[in-house]
Amino acid sequence: MLGLLPRGTAYLLVVAVLVFLGVQYVPIYFHAFQFNDSVRQEVKFAGSARKTVESVREALLSRAREFKVPVTEEDIKVSRDGPFFIVNINYSVPVNLRVYQHEIQFSSSFSGATFQE
């Protein structure tokens, strides 16, 4: 193949597979990281902005769309426990590797103090 020895062909094949896997997985984890960071910020400042549980859920859904994360309203559980907002998010992202398909499960939990009068 292209004048390469069998060993060189094997290395080229391994590199091609690694590049393919990177193209499939890296964007998923990158978007999940961005989404988790924005959720953390939203929960942290929700109390000082006097947000309600429903407005926090809507803001998180908007952030999910912004970061291309397949989160639905049912995946986001927002509650208020005294001076804290508590957010639990569980979702999965399908990965199509042509010969194998599976889902990556993500689970996040955040809490932040609210400021009450």
N, C-alpha and C. Protein backbone atom coordinates (compact mmCIF):
# COMPACT_ATOMS: atom_id res chain seq x y z
N MET A 1 0.85 -1.18 0.00
CA MET A 1 0.00 0.00 0.00
C MET A 1 0.89 1.24 0.00
N LEU A 2 0.86 1.99 -1.03
CA LEU A 2 1.62 3.22 -1.19
C LEU A 2 3.11 3.02 -0.97
N GLY A 3 3.63 1.85 -1.24
CA GLY A 3 5.05 1.57 -1.09
C GLY A 3 5.50 1.42 0.35
N LEU A 4 4.57 1.24 1.28
CA LEU A 4 4.92 1.09 2.69
C LEU A 4 5.12 -0.38 3.02
N LEU A 5 5.96 -0.62 3.96
CA LEU A 5 6.13 -1.97 4.47
C LEU A 5 4.91 -2.34 5.30
N PRO A 6 4.68 -3.61 5.55
CA PRO A 6 3.51 -4.00 6.37
C PRO A 6 3.46 -3.30 7.72
N ARG A 7 4.62 -3.10 8.32
CA ARG A 7 4.65 -2.41 9.61
C ARG A 7 4.18 -0.95 9.47
N GLY A 8 4.61 -0.28 8.44
CA GLY A 8 4.19 1.10 8.18
C GLY A 8 2.71 1.18 7.88
N THR A 9 2.20 0.20 7.16
CA THR A 9 0.77 0.16 6.87
C THR A 9 -0.03 -0.01 8.16
N ALA A 10 0.46 -0.85 9.05
CA ALA A 10 -0.23 -1.07 10.32
C ALA A 10 -0.24 0.22 11.14
N TYR A 11 0.87 0.93 11.19
CA TYR A 11 0.93 2.20 11.91
C TYR A 11 -0.04 3.22 11.31
N LEU A 12 -0.08 3.28 10.00
CA LEU A 12 -0.99 4.20 9.33
C LEU A 12 -2.44 3.87 9.64
N LEU A 13 -2.75 2.59 9.67
CA LEU A 13 -4.11 2.15 9.99
C LEU A 13 -4.47 2.51 11.44
N VAL A 14 -3.56 2.31 12.37
CA VAL A 14 -3.80 2.65 13.77
C VAL A 14 -4.02 4.15 13.92
N VAL A 15 -3.22 4.95 13.25
CA VAL A 15 -3.37 6.40 13.31
C VAL A 15 -4.72 6.81 12.72
N ALA A 16 -5.12 6.21 11.62
CA ALA A 16 -6.41 6.53 11.01
C ALA A 16 -7.56 6.20 11.95
N VAL A 17 -7.48 5.06 12.62
CA VAL A 17 -8.53 4.67 13.57
C VAL A 17 -8.57 5.64 14.74
N LEU A 18 -7.43 6.03 15.26
CA LEU A 18 -7.38 6.97 16.38
C LEU A 18 -7.94 8.34 15.98
N VAL A 19 -7.64 8.78 14.78
CA VAL A 19 -8.19 10.05 14.30
C VAL A 19 -9.71 9.95 14.18
N PHE A 20 -10.20 8.85 13.63
CA PHE A 20 -11.64 8.65 13.49
C PHE A 20 -12.32 8.66 14.85
N LEU A 21 -11.76 7.94 15.83
CA LEU A 21 -12.34 7.91 17.17
C LEU A 21 -12.29 9.29 17.82
N GLY A 22 -11.22 10.01 17.61
CA GLY A 22 -11.11 11.36 18.15
C GLY A 22 -12.17 12.29 17.58
N VAL A 23 -12.41 12.17 16.29
CA VAL A 23 -13.43 13.01 15.65
C VAL A 23 -14.82 12.69 16.19
N GLN A 24 -15.05 11.44 16.57
CA GLN A 24 -16.35 11.04 17.10
C GLN A 24 -16.52 11.44 18.57
N TYR A 25 -15.51 11.26 19.39
CA TYR A 25 -15.65 11.42 20.83
C TYR A 25 -15.29 12.80 21.37
N VAL A 26 -14.27 13.43 20.85
CA VAL A 26 -13.81 14.70 21.40
C VAL A 26 -14.91 15.77 21.39
N PRO A 27 -15.66 15.98 20.31
CA PRO A 27 -16.71 17.00 20.36
C PRO A 27 -17.78 16.72 21.42
N ILE A 28 -18.11 15.45 21.62
CA ILE A 28 -19.13 15.10 22.61
C ILE A 28 -18.67 15.50 24.01
N TYR A 29 -17.46 15.13 24.35
CA TYR A 29 -16.94 15.46 25.68
C TYR A 29 -16.68 16.96 25.84
N PHE A 30 -16.27 17.62 24.77
CA PHE A 30 -16.03 19.06 24.82
C PHE A 30 -17.33 19.81 25.08
N HIS A 31 -18.40 19.45 24.36
CA HIS A 31 -19.69 20.10 24.56
C HIS A 31 -20.24 19.80 25.96
N ALA A 32 -20.04 18.59 26.44
CA ALA A 32 -20.50 18.24 27.79
C ALA A 32 -19.75 19.06 28.84
N PHE A 33 -18.45 19.25 28.64
CA PHE A 33 -17.67 20.06 29.57
C PHE A 33 -18.15 21.51 29.57
N GLN A 34 -18.38 22.08 28.39
CA GLN A 34 -18.87 23.45 28.30
C GLN A 34 -20.24 23.58 28.96
N PHE A 35 -21.12 22.62 28.71
CA PHE A 35 -22.45 22.65 29.29
C PHE A 35 -22.38 22.57 30.81
N ASN A 36 -21.56 21.66 31.35
CA ASN A 36 -21.43 21.54 32.80
C ASN A 36 -20.90 22.83 33.43
N ASP A 37 -19.97 23.47 32.77
CA ASP A 37 -19.44 24.72 33.28
C ASP A 37 -20.52 25.80 33.31
N SER A 38 -21.32 25.87 32.26
CA SER A 38 -22.38 26.88 32.23
C SER A 38 -23.48 26.57 33.25
N VAL A 39 -23.76 25.28 33.49
CA VAL A 39 -24.73 24.90 34.51
C VAL A 39 -24.23 25.33 35.88
N ARG A 40 -22.96 25.07 36.15
CA ARG A 40 -22.36 25.46 37.43
C ARG A 40 -22.51 26.98 37.64
N GLN A 41 -22.24 27.76 36.61
CA GLN A 41 -22.36 29.21 36.72
C GLN A 41 -23.82 29.64 36.92
N GLU A 42 -24.72 29.00 36.19
CA GLU A 42 -26.15 29.33 36.31
C GLU A 42 -26.65 29.06 37.73
N VAL A 43 -26.29 27.93 38.28
CA VAL A 43 -26.74 27.57 39.63
C VAL A 43 -26.09 28.50 40.66
N LYS A 44 -24.85 28.83 40.46
CA LYS A 44 -24.13 29.68 41.40
C LYS A 44 -24.77 31.06 41.53
N PHE A 45 -25.21 31.62 40.41
CA PHE A 45 -25.75 32.98 40.42
C PHE A 45 -27.27 33.04 40.37
N ALA A 46 -27.95 31.90 40.38
CA ALA A 46 -29.42 31.90 40.30
C ALA A 46 -30.04 32.55 41.53
N GLY A 47 -29.47 32.31 42.69
CA GLY A 47 -30.03 32.87 43.92
C GLY A 47 -29.91 34.38 43.97
N SER A 48 -28.76 34.90 43.59
CA SER A 48 -28.58 36.35 43.63
C SER A 48 -29.41 37.05 42.57
N ALA A 49 -29.78 36.34 41.51
CA ALA A 49 -30.63 36.91 40.47
C ALA A 49 -32.11 36.72 40.79
N ARG A 50 -32.40 36.10 41.95
CA ARG A 50 -33.79 35.87 42.40
C ARG A 50 -34.59 35.04 41.39
N LYS A 51 -33.96 34.02 40.84
CA LYS A 51 -34.63 33.18 39.85
C LYS A 51 -35.50 32.13 40.54
N THR A 52 -36.51 31.69 39.82
CA THR A 52 -37.36 30.61 40.30
C THR A 52 -36.83 29.29 39.77
N VAL A 53 -37.37 28.19 40.29
CA VAL A 53 -36.96 26.87 39.84
C VAL A 53 -37.24 26.72 38.34
N GLU A 54 -38.40 27.20 37.91
CA GLU A 54 -38.76 27.07 36.49
C GLU A 54 -37.86 27.92 35.59
N SER A 55 -37.51 29.12 36.02
CA SER A 55 -36.65 29.96 35.19
C SER A 55 -35.23 29.38 35.10
N VAL A 56 -34.77 28.72 36.16
CA VAL A 56 -33.46 28.06 36.12
C VAL A 56 -33.51 26.91 35.13
N ARG A 57 -34.59 26.11 35.16
CA ARG A 57 -34.73 24.99 34.22
C ARG A 57 -34.74 25.50 32.77
N GLU A 58 -35.46 26.57 32.51
CA GLU A 58 -35.51 27.13 31.15
C GLU A 58 -34.14 27.63 30.71
N ALA A 59 -33.41 28.26 31.62
CA ALA A 59 -32.07 28.75 31.29
C ALA A 59 -31.13 27.59 30.97
N LEU A 60 -31.26 26.49 31.71
CA LEU A 60 -30.42 25.32 31.46
C LEU A 60 -30.77 24.66 30.13
N LEU A 61 -32.04 24.61 29.79
CA LEU A 61 -32.43 24.07 28.48
C LEU A 61 -31.87 24.94 27.35
N SER A 62 -31.89 26.24 27.55
CA SER A 62 -31.33 27.15 26.55
C SER A 62 -29.82 26.92 26.39
N ARG A 63 -29.13 26.73 27.51
CA ARG A 63 -27.69 26.46 27.46
C ARG A 63 -27.41 25.12 26.76
N ALA A 64 -28.26 24.15 27.00
CA ALA A 64 -28.08 22.84 26.35
C ALA A 64 -28.18 22.97 24.83
N ARG A 65 -29.16 23.74 24.37
CA ARG A 65 -29.28 23.96 22.92
C ARG A 65 -28.07 24.71 22.38
N GLU A 66 -27.60 25.68 23.15
CA GLU A 66 -26.44 26.48 22.74
C GLU A 66 -25.19 25.61 22.56
N PHE A 67 -25.01 24.63 23.44
CA PHE A 67 -23.82 23.77 23.39
C PHE A 67 -24.08 22.44 22.70
N LYS A 68 -25.22 22.31 22.02
CA LYS A 68 -25.56 21.13 21.24
C LYS A 68 -25.55 19.86 22.09
N VAL A 69 -26.11 19.96 23.28
CA VAL A 69 -26.21 18.82 24.20
C VAL A 69 -27.66 18.35 24.18
N PRO A 70 -27.89 17.06 23.90
CA PRO A 70 -29.26 16.55 23.77
C PRO A 70 -29.94 16.34 25.14
N VAL A 71 -30.29 17.45 25.79
CA VAL A 71 -30.96 17.40 27.08
C VAL A 71 -32.40 17.82 26.88
N THR A 72 -33.32 17.06 27.49
CA THR A 72 -34.73 17.41 27.44
C THR A 72 -35.15 17.95 28.80
N GLU A 73 -36.35 18.48 28.87
CA GLU A 73 -36.85 19.03 30.12
C GLU A 73 -36.95 17.96 31.20
N GLU A 74 -37.24 16.73 30.80
CA GLU A 74 -37.35 15.63 31.76
C GLU A 74 -35.98 15.23 32.33
N ASP A 75 -34.91 15.54 31.63
CA ASP A 75 -33.56 15.18 32.08
C ASP A 75 -33.04 16.11 33.18
N ILE A 76 -33.67 17.28 33.31
CA ILE A 76 -33.20 18.28 34.26
C ILE A 76 -34.13 18.30 35.47
N LYS A 77 -33.57 18.04 36.63
CA LYS A 77 -34.32 18.10 37.88
C LYS A 77 -33.77 19.26 38.70
N VAL A 78 -34.61 20.26 38.91
CA VAL A 78 -34.22 21.43 39.68
C VAL A 78 -35.11 21.50 40.91
N SER A 79 -34.50 21.68 42.06
CA SER A 79 -35.28 21.82 43.29
C SER A 79 -34.62 22.88 44.16
N ARG A 80 -35.37 23.27 45.15
CA ARG A 80 -34.87 24.27 46.08
C ARG A 80 -35.02 23.70 47.48
N ASP A 81 -33.92 23.64 48.19
CA ASP A 81 -33.92 23.08 49.54
C ASP A 81 -33.40 24.15 50.47
N GLY A 82 -34.32 24.88 51.07
CA GLY A 82 -33.91 25.98 51.94
C GLY A 82 -33.14 27.02 51.15
N PRO A 83 -31.92 27.30 51.54
CA PRO A 83 -31.16 28.34 50.84
C PRO A 83 -30.37 27.82 49.63
N PHE A 84 -30.67 26.64 49.14
CA PHE A 84 -29.90 26.05 48.05
C PHE A 84 -30.77 25.68 46.85
N PHE A 85 -30.23 25.93 45.66
CA PHE A 85 -30.77 25.34 44.44
C PHE A 85 -30.01 24.04 44.24
N ILE A 86 -30.70 22.99 43.90
CA ILE A 86 -30.07 21.70 43.62
C ILE A 86 -30.48 21.29 42.21
N VAL A 87 -29.49 21.02 41.36
CA VAL A 87 -29.73 20.64 39.97
C VAL A 87 -29.09 19.28 39.71
N ASN A 88 -29.89 18.36 39.20
CA ASN A 88 -29.40 17.04 38.77
C ASN A 88 -29.75 16.87 37.31
N ILE A 89 -28.77 16.54 36.50
CA ILE A 89 -28.98 16.36 35.07
C ILE A 89 -28.42 15.00 34.66
N ASN A 90 -29.25 14.19 34.04
CA ASN A 90 -28.84 12.89 33.51
C ASN A 90 -29.26 12.82 32.05
N TYR A 91 -28.31 12.57 31.17
CA TYR A 91 -28.63 12.45 29.75
C TYR A 91 -27.63 11.53 29.08
N SER A 92 -27.96 11.10 27.88
CA SER A 92 -27.05 10.24 27.12
C SER A 92 -26.91 10.78 25.71
N VAL A 93 -25.74 10.52 25.14
CA VAL A 93 -25.44 10.97 23.78
C VAL A 93 -25.10 9.75 22.94
N PRO A 94 -25.83 9.52 21.85
CA PRO A 94 -25.50 8.37 21.00
C PRO A 94 -24.24 8.62 20.18
N VAL A 95 -23.44 7.56 20.03
CA VAL A 95 -22.21 7.62 19.23
C VAL A 95 -22.31 6.56 18.15
N ASN A 96 -22.18 6.97 16.90
CA ASN A 96 -22.26 6.06 15.77
C ASN A 96 -20.85 5.83 15.22
N LEU A 97 -20.32 4.63 15.45
CA LEU A 97 -18.98 4.30 14.95
C LEU A 97 -19.04 3.43 13.70
N ARG A 98 -20.13 3.47 12.99
CA ARG A 98 -20.37 2.71 11.76
C ARG A 98 -20.60 1.22 12.03
N VAL A 99 -19.69 0.58 12.74
CA VAL A 99 -19.84 -0.86 13.01
C VAL A 99 -20.34 -1.11 14.43
N TYR A 100 -20.32 -0.10 15.27
CA TYR A 100 -20.74 -0.25 16.66
C TYR A 100 -21.42 1.04 17.09
N GLN A 101 -22.57 0.93 17.69
CA GLN A 101 -23.28 2.10 18.17
C GLN A 101 -23.55 1.95 19.66
N HIS A 102 -23.26 3.00 20.41
CA HIS A 102 -23.55 2.98 21.83
C HIS A 102 -23.86 4.38 22.31
N GLU A 103 -24.20 4.48 23.58
CA GLU A 103 -24.52 5.77 24.16
C GLU A 103 -23.57 6.07 25.31
N ILE A 104 -23.14 7.32 25.38
CA ILE A 104 -22.33 7.78 26.50
C ILE A 104 -23.28 8.41 27.51
N GLN A 105 -23.23 7.96 28.74
CA GLN A 105 -24.09 8.47 29.80
C GLN A 105 -23.38 9.60 30.54
N PHE A 106 -24.08 10.70 30.74
CA PHE A 106 -23.56 11.82 31.52
C PHE A 106 -24.50 12.08 32.69
N SER A 107 -23.92 12.36 33.81
CA SER A 107 -24.69 12.65 35.02
C SER A 107 -23.99 13.79 35.76
N SER A 108 -24.73 14.84 36.07
CA SER A 108 -24.15 16.00 36.75
C SER A 108 -25.05 16.42 37.90
N SER A 109 -24.45 16.87 38.96
CA SER A 109 -25.19 17.36 40.12
C SER A 109 -24.50 18.62 40.63
N PHE A 110 -25.29 19.69 40.80
CA PHE A 110 -24.74 20.96 41.25
C PHE A 110 -25.67 21.55 42.30
N SER A 111 -25.11 22.33 43.19
CA SER A 111 -25.93 23.05 44.16
C SER A 111 -25.29 24.41 44.40
N GLY A 112 -26.14 25.35 44.73
CA GLY A 112 -25.66 26.70 44.99
C GLY A 112 -26.58 27.41 45.95
N ALA A 113 -26.04 28.21 46.82
CA ALA A 113 -26.83 28.92 47.83
C ALA A 113 -27.64 30.03 47.19
N THR A 114 -28.85 30.21 47.71
CA THR A 114 -29.68 31.34 47.31
C THR A 114 -29.57 32.40 48.40
N PHE A 115 -29.93 33.60 48.06
CA PHE A 115 -29.89 34.68 49.03
C PHE A 115 -31.32 35.11 49.31
N GLN A 116 -31.78 34.81 50.51
CA GLN A 116 -33.16 35.12 50.87
C GLN A 116 -33.19 36.31 51.80
N GLU A 117 -34.32 36.99 51.77
CA GLU A 117 -34.48 38.16 52.64
C GLU A 117 -35.01 37.74 53.98
